[in-house]
C-alpha atoms as a PDB file:
ATOM      1  CA  UNK A   1     -52.596 -19.191  23.074  1.00  0.00           C
ATOM      2  CA  UNK A   2     -50.285 -18.796  25.943  1.00  0.00           C
ATOM      3  CA  UNK A   3     -51.966 -21.855  27.313  1.00  0.00           C
ATOM      4  CA  UNK A   4     -51.436 -25.425  26.444  1.00  0.00           C
ATOM      5  CA  UNK A   5     -54.249 -25.013  24.030  1.00  0.00           C
ATOM      6  CA  UNK A   6     -53.378 -21.750  22.611  1.00  0.00           C
ATOM      7  CA  UNK A   7     -49.637 -21.606  22.555  1.00  0.00           C
ATOM      8  CA  UNK A   8     -50.232 -22.801  19.170  1.00  0.00           C
ATOM      9  CA  UNK A   9     -48.227 -21.653  16.311  1.00  0.00           C
ATOM     10  CA  UNK A  10     -49.412 -18.207  15.352  1.00  0.00           C
ATOM     11  CA  UNK A  11     -46.663 -15.841  16.257  1.00  0.00           C
ATOM     12  CA  UNK A  12     -44.357 -18.617  17.352  1.00  0.00           C
ATOM     13  CA  UNK A  13     -42.998 -19.425  13.940  1.00  0.00           C
ATOM     14  CA  UNK A  14     -44.076 -23.049  14.182  1.00  0.00           C
ATOM     15  CA  UNK A  15     -42.637 -23.806  17.594  1.00  0.00           C
ATOM     16  CA  UNK A  16     -44.902 -26.788  18.256  1.00  0.00           C
ATOM     17  CA  UNK A  17     -43.872 -30.049  16.740  1.00  0.00           C
ATOM     18  CA  UNK A  18     -46.330 -31.313  14.171  1.00  0.00           C
ATOM     19  CA  UNK A  19     -47.220 -34.749  15.501  1.00  0.00           C
ATOM     20  CA  UNK A  20     -48.282 -36.866  12.521  1.00  0.00           C
ATOM     21  CA  UNK A  21     -50.912 -38.539  14.676  1.00  0.00           C
ATOM     22  CA  UNK A  22     -52.578 -35.191  15.306  1.00  0.00           C
ATOM     23  CA  UNK A  23     -53.605 -34.941  11.629  1.00  0.00           C
ATOM     24  CA  UNK A  24     -52.037 -31.599  10.752  1.00  0.00           C
ATOM     25  CA  UNK A  25     -50.769 -32.848   7.389  1.00  0.00           C
ATOM     26  CA  UNK A  26     -54.341 -33.502   6.269  1.00  0.00           C
ATOM     27  CA  UNK A  27     -56.091 -30.563   7.935  1.00  0.00           C
ATOM     28  CA  UNK A  28     -57.426 -28.181   5.271  1.00  0.00           C
ATOM     29  CA  UNK A  29     -57.843 -24.506   6.064  1.00  0.00           C
ATOM     30  CA  UNK A  30     -61.014 -22.532   5.400  1.00  0.00           C
ATOM     31  CA  UNK A  31     -61.941 -18.946   6.240  1.00  0.00           C
ATOM     32  CA  UNK A  32     -64.969 -19.938   8.314  1.00  0.00           C
ATOM     33  CA  UNK A  33     -62.743 -21.811  10.760  1.00  0.00           C
ATOM     34  CA  UNK A  34     -60.086 -19.079  10.692  1.00  0.00           C
ATOM     35  CA  UNK A  35     -62.703 -16.513  11.758  1.00  0.00           C
ATOM     36  CA  UNK A  36     -64.202 -18.803  14.417  1.00  0.00           C
ATOM     37  CA  UNK A  37     -60.753 -19.703  15.731  1.00  0.00           C
ATOM     38  CA  UNK A  38     -59.947 -16.025  16.197  1.00  0.00           C
ATOM     39  CA  UNK A  39     -63.264 -15.428  17.929  1.00  0.00           C
ATOM     40  CA  UNK A  40     -62.605 -18.351  20.286  1.00  0.00           C
ATOM     41  CA  UNK A  41     -59.093 -17.159  21.175  1.00  0.00           C
ATOM     42  CA  UNK A  42     -60.441 -13.677  21.829  1.00  0.00           C
ATOM     43  CA  UNK A  43     -63.047 -15.197  24.165  1.00  0.00           C
ATOM     44  CA  UNK A  44     -60.350 -17.170  25.995  1.00  0.00           C
ATOM     45  CA  UNK A  45     -58.262 -14.015  26.324  1.00  0.00           C
ATOM     46  CA  UNK A  46     -61.230 -12.067  27.736  1.00  0.00           C
ATOM     47  CA  UNK A  47     -62.055 -14.881  30.163  1.00  0.00           C
ATOM     48  CA  UNK A  48     -58.439 -15.069  31.342  1.00  0.00           C
ATOM     49  CA  UNK A  49     -58.400 -11.319  31.993  1.00  0.00           C
ATOM     50  CA  UNK A  50     -61.485 -11.690  34.204  1.00  0.00           C
ATOM     51  CA  UNK A  51     -60.314 -14.877  35.909  1.00  0.00           C
ATOM     52  CA  UNK A  52     -56.777 -14.765  37.357  1.00  0.00           C
ATOM     53  CA  UNK A  53     -56.914 -18.475  38.171  1.00  0.00           C
ATOM     54  CA  UNK A  54     -57.604 -19.312  34.511  1.00  0.00           C
ATOM     55  CA  UNK A  55     -54.848 -16.936  33.387  1.00  0.00           C
ATOM     56  CA  UNK A  56     -52.382 -18.589  35.775  1.00  0.00           C
ATOM     57  CA  UNK A  57     -53.411 -22.058  34.590  1.00  0.00           C
ATOM     58  CA  UNK A  58     -52.965 -21.093  30.945  1.00  0.00           C
ATOM     59  CA  UNK A  59     -49.549 -19.593  31.662  1.00  0.00           C
ATOM     60  CA  UNK A  60     -48.497 -22.715  33.575  1.00  0.00           C
ATOM     61  CA  UNK A  61     -49.750 -24.978  30.785  1.00  0.00           C
ATOM     62  CA  UNK A  62     -47.739 -22.923  28.305  1.00  0.00           C
ATOM     63  CA  UNK A  63     -44.474 -23.875  29.959  1.00  0.00           C
ATOM     64  CA  UNK A  64     -44.649 -27.490  28.804  1.00  0.00           C
ATOM     65  CA  UNK A  65     -46.921 -27.323  25.785  1.00  0.00           C
ATOM     66  CA  UNK A  66     -45.133 -30.095  23.918  1.00  0.00           C
ATOM     67  CA  UNK A  67     -46.285 -31.444  20.596  1.00  0.00           C
ATOM     68  CA  UNK A  68     -49.576 -30.779  18.874  1.00  0.00           C
ATOM     69  CA  UNK A  69     -51.204 -33.986  20.099  1.00  0.00           C
ATOM     70  CA  UNK A  70     -50.381 -33.036  23.703  1.00  0.00           C
ATOM     71  CA  UNK A  71     -51.769 -29.539  23.230  1.00  0.00           C
ATOM     72  CA  UNK A  72     -54.958 -30.986  21.754  1.00  0.00           C
ATOM     73  CA  UNK A  73     -55.384 -33.428  24.622  1.00  0.00           C
ATOM     74  CA  UNK A  74     -54.853 -30.743  27.268  1.00  0.00           C
ATOM     75  CA  UNK A  75     -57.226 -28.300  25.630  1.00  0.00           C
ATOM     76  CA  UNK A  76     -59.955 -30.787  24.831  1.00  0.00           C
ATOM     77  CA  UNK A  77     -59.836 -32.022  28.424  1.00  0.00           C
ATOM     78  CA  UNK A  78     -60.084 -28.566  29.973  1.00  0.00           C
ATOM     79  CA  UNK A  79     -63.667 -27.850  31.093  1.00  0.00           C
ATOM     80  CA  UNK A  80     -62.950 -24.108  31.318  1.00  0.00           C
ATOM     81  CA  UNK A  81     -61.905 -23.866  27.669  1.00  0.00           C
ATOM     82  CA  UNK A  82     -64.440 -26.052  25.878  1.00  0.00           C
ATOM     83  CA  UNK A  83     -67.455 -23.744  26.388  1.00  0.00           C
ATOM     84  CA  UNK A  84     -65.501 -20.730  25.141  1.00  0.00           C
ATOM     85  CA  UNK A  85     -64.726 -22.485  21.882  1.00  0.00           C
ATOM     86  CA  UNK A  86     -68.255 -23.869  21.589  1.00  0.00           C
ATOM     87  CA  UNK A  87     -69.678 -20.359  21.967  1.00  0.00           C
ATOM     88  CA  UNK A  88     -67.567 -19.300  18.989  1.00  0.00           C
ATOM     89  CA  UNK A  89     -69.019 -22.183  16.971  1.00  0.00           C
ATOM     90  CA  UNK A  90     -65.833 -24.240  16.729  1.00  0.00           C
ATOM     91  CA  UNK A  91     -64.509 -27.289  18.520  1.00  0.00           C
ATOM     92  CA  UNK A  92     -61.302 -27.048  20.501  1.00  0.00           C
ATOM     93  CA  UNK A  93     -59.700 -29.476  18.060  1.00  0.00           C
ATOM     94  CA  UNK A  94     -60.696 -27.459  14.989  1.00  0.00           C
ATOM     95  CA  UNK A  95     -59.501 -24.213  16.572  1.00  0.00           C
ATOM     96  CA  UNK A  96     -56.136 -25.695  17.534  1.00  0.00           C
ATOM     97  CA  UNK A  97     -55.711 -27.403  14.171  1.00  0.00           C
ATOM     98  CA  UNK A  98     -56.713 -24.237  12.300  1.00  0.00           C
ATOM     99  CA  UNK A  99     -54.178 -22.224  14.286  1.00  0.00           C
ATOM    100  CA  UNK A 100     -51.438 -24.773  13.676  1.00  0.00           C
ATOM    101  CA  UNK A 101     -52.226 -25.224   9.975  1.00  0.00           C
ATOM    102  CA  UNK A 102     -52.403 -21.456   9.502  1.00  0.00           C
ATOM    103  CA  UNK A 103     -48.989 -20.974  11.090  1.00  0.00           C
ATOM    104  CA  UNK A 104     -47.453 -23.757   8.992  1.00  0.00           C
ATOM    105  CA  UNK A 105     -49.002 -22.257   5.856  1.00  0.00           C
ATOM    106  CA  UNK A 106     -47.667 -18.800   6.757  1.00  0.00           C
ATOM    107  CA  UNK A 107     -44.208 -20.267   7.219  1.00  0.00           C
ATOM    108  CA  UNK A 108     -44.484 -22.058   3.873  1.00  0.00           C
ATOM    109  CA  UNK A 109     -45.567 -18.859   2.130  1.00  0.00           C
ATOM    110  CA  UNK A 110     -42.678 -16.992   3.727  1.00  0.00           C
ATOM    111  CA  UNK A 111     -40.148 -19.614   2.623  1.00  0.00           C
ATOM    112  CA  UNK A 112     -41.592 -19.559  -0.880  1.00  0.00           C
ATOM    113  CA  UNK A 113     -41.373 -15.767  -0.960  1.00  0.00           C
ATOM    114  CA  UNK A 114     -37.761 -15.808   0.266  1.00  0.00           C
ATOM    115  CA  UNK A 115     -36.469 -18.687  -1.877  1.00  0.00           C
ATOM    116  CA  UNK A 116     -38.770 -18.696  -4.877  1.00  0.00           C
ATOM    117  CA  UNK A 117     -39.255 -22.434  -4.377  1.00  0.00           C
ATOM    118  CA  UNK A 118     -42.730 -23.945  -4.397  1.00  0.00           C
ATOM    119  CA  UNK A 119     -43.870 -25.378  -1.070  1.00  0.00           C
ATOM    120  CA  UNK A 120     -43.501 -29.094  -0.468  1.00  0.00           C
ATOM    121  CA  UNK A 121     -45.230 -31.567   1.792  1.00  0.00           C
ATOM    122  CA  UNK A 122     -48.586 -33.258   1.728  1.00  0.00           C
ATOM    123  CA  UNK A 123     -51.088 -32.115  -0.907  1.00  0.00           C
ATOM    124  CA  UNK A 124     -53.155 -30.535   1.879  1.00  0.00           C
ATOM    125  CA  UNK A 125     -50.163 -28.647   3.296  1.00  0.00           C
ATOM    126  CA  UNK A 126     -49.328 -27.319  -0.185  1.00  0.00           C
ATOM    127  CA  UNK A 127     -52.983 -26.332  -0.688  1.00  0.00           C
ATOM    128  CA  UNK A 128     -52.932 -24.556   2.689  1.00  0.00           C
ATOM    129  CA  UNK A 129     -49.986 -22.404   1.561  1.00  0.00           C
ATOM    130  CA  UNK A 130     -51.943 -21.452  -1.556  1.00  0.00           C
ATOM    131  CA  UNK A 131     -55.021 -20.762   0.599  1.00  0.00           C
ATOM    132  CA  UNK A 132     -52.936 -18.537   2.887  1.00  0.00           C
ATOM    133  CA  UNK A 133     -51.544 -16.589  -0.067  1.00  0.00           C
ATOM    134  CA  UNK A 134     -54.966 -16.189  -1.680  1.00  0.00           C
ATOM    135  CA  UNK A 135     -56.644 -15.051   1.563  1.00  0.00           C
ATOM    136  CA  UNK A 136     -53.828 -12.949   2.979  1.00  0.00           C
ATOM    137  CA  UNK A 137     -55.875  -9.748   2.808  1.00  0.00           C
ATOM    138  CA  UNK A 138     -58.455 -11.361   5.101  1.00  0.00           C
ATOM    139  CA  UNK A 139     -55.988 -13.289   7.258  1.00  0.00           C
ATOM    140  CA  UNK A 140     -53.601 -10.413   7.998  1.00  0.00           C
ATOM    141  CA  UNK A 141     -56.081  -8.385  10.119  1.00  0.00           C
ATOM    142  CA  UNK A 142     -57.040 -11.557  12.007  1.00  0.00           C
ATOM    143  CA  UNK A 143     -53.359 -12.264  12.701  1.00  0.00           C
ATOM    144  CA  UNK A 144     -52.915  -8.686  13.907  1.00  0.00           C
ATOM    145  CA  UNK A 145     -55.817  -9.109  16.351  1.00  0.00           C
ATOM    146  CA  UNK A 146     -54.473 -12.430  17.617  1.00  0.00           C
ATOM    147  CA  UNK A 147     -50.971 -11.050  18.171  1.00  0.00           C
ATOM    148  CA  UNK A 148     -52.477  -8.585  20.675  1.00  0.00           C
ATOM    149  CA  UNK A 149     -53.990 -11.315  22.863  1.00  0.00           C
ATOM    150  CA  UNK A 150     -52.304 -11.962  26.192  1.00  0.00           C
ATOM    151  CA  UNK A 151     -53.139 -15.658  26.008  1.00  0.00           C
ATOM    152  CA  UNK A 152     -51.225 -15.850  22.734  1.00  0.00           C
ATOM    153  CA  UNK A 153     -48.184 -14.246  24.293  1.00  0.00           C
ATOM    154  CA  UNK A 154     -48.710 -10.637  23.195  1.00  0.00           C
ATOM    155  CA  UNK A 155     -45.451  -8.780  23.512  1.00  0.00           C
ATOM    156  CA  UNK A 156     -43.320 -11.928  23.802  1.00  0.00           C
ATOM    157  CA  UNK A 157     -40.529 -12.508  21.305  1.00  0.00           C
ATOM    158  CA  UNK A 158     -41.769  -9.786  18.986  1.00  0.00           C
ATOM    159  CA  UNK A 159     -39.451  -9.300  16.068  1.00  0.00           C
ATOM    160  CA  UNK A 160     -38.613 -13.003  15.834  1.00  0.00           C
ATOM    161  CA  UNK A 161     -41.407 -13.789  13.433  1.00  0.00           C
ATOM    162  CA  UNK A 162     -41.517 -13.065   9.710  1.00  0.00           C
ATOM    163  CA  UNK A 163     -43.973 -10.507   8.436  1.00  0.00           C
ATOM    164  CA  UNK A 164     -46.931 -11.709   6.435  1.00  0.00           C
ATOM    165  CA  UNK A 165     -46.371  -9.262   3.612  1.00  0.00           C
ATOM    166  CA  UNK A 166     -43.758  -9.761   0.899  1.00  0.00           C
ATOM    167  CA  UNK A 167     -40.834  -7.341   0.727  1.00  0.00           C
ATOM    168  CA  UNK A 168     -41.024  -4.602  -1.868  1.00  0.00           C
ATOM    169  CA  UNK A 169     -37.562  -5.382  -3.259  1.00  0.00           C
END
């Protein structure tokens, strides 16, 4: 998101540092959380459009997002965000971790596609790349929806991110 919470990684190419203490290396992706994460971000985006103060706060938080642990702490401590995630059936932590793990997996799949080399990292990170590849048909429309959200920086730095689909070469 364009906020501390949601400036996550989708569309940023992995801009947030993966703090080992945050648990990203052991966070396994699943489609239930991917769907709920998207629903939560869409709710945050809608709330920010209705509430200029929230939109301004999210934009200000975005400026110094920092590492994943910092993003998690800011988001989990924000009383305006927690109910939006809860209404989507996901905790702030799971939404942020799903977003981050999904972006890392997308990057891993892209590198594998470009180099032909198998992904490396923790067993969970490698499994997340495989998950991403196997669920791309479901994930791609969710990514497209998320890229349109103002709170996720819609329109910012477009063209800097790799596409999710392999080249036809």
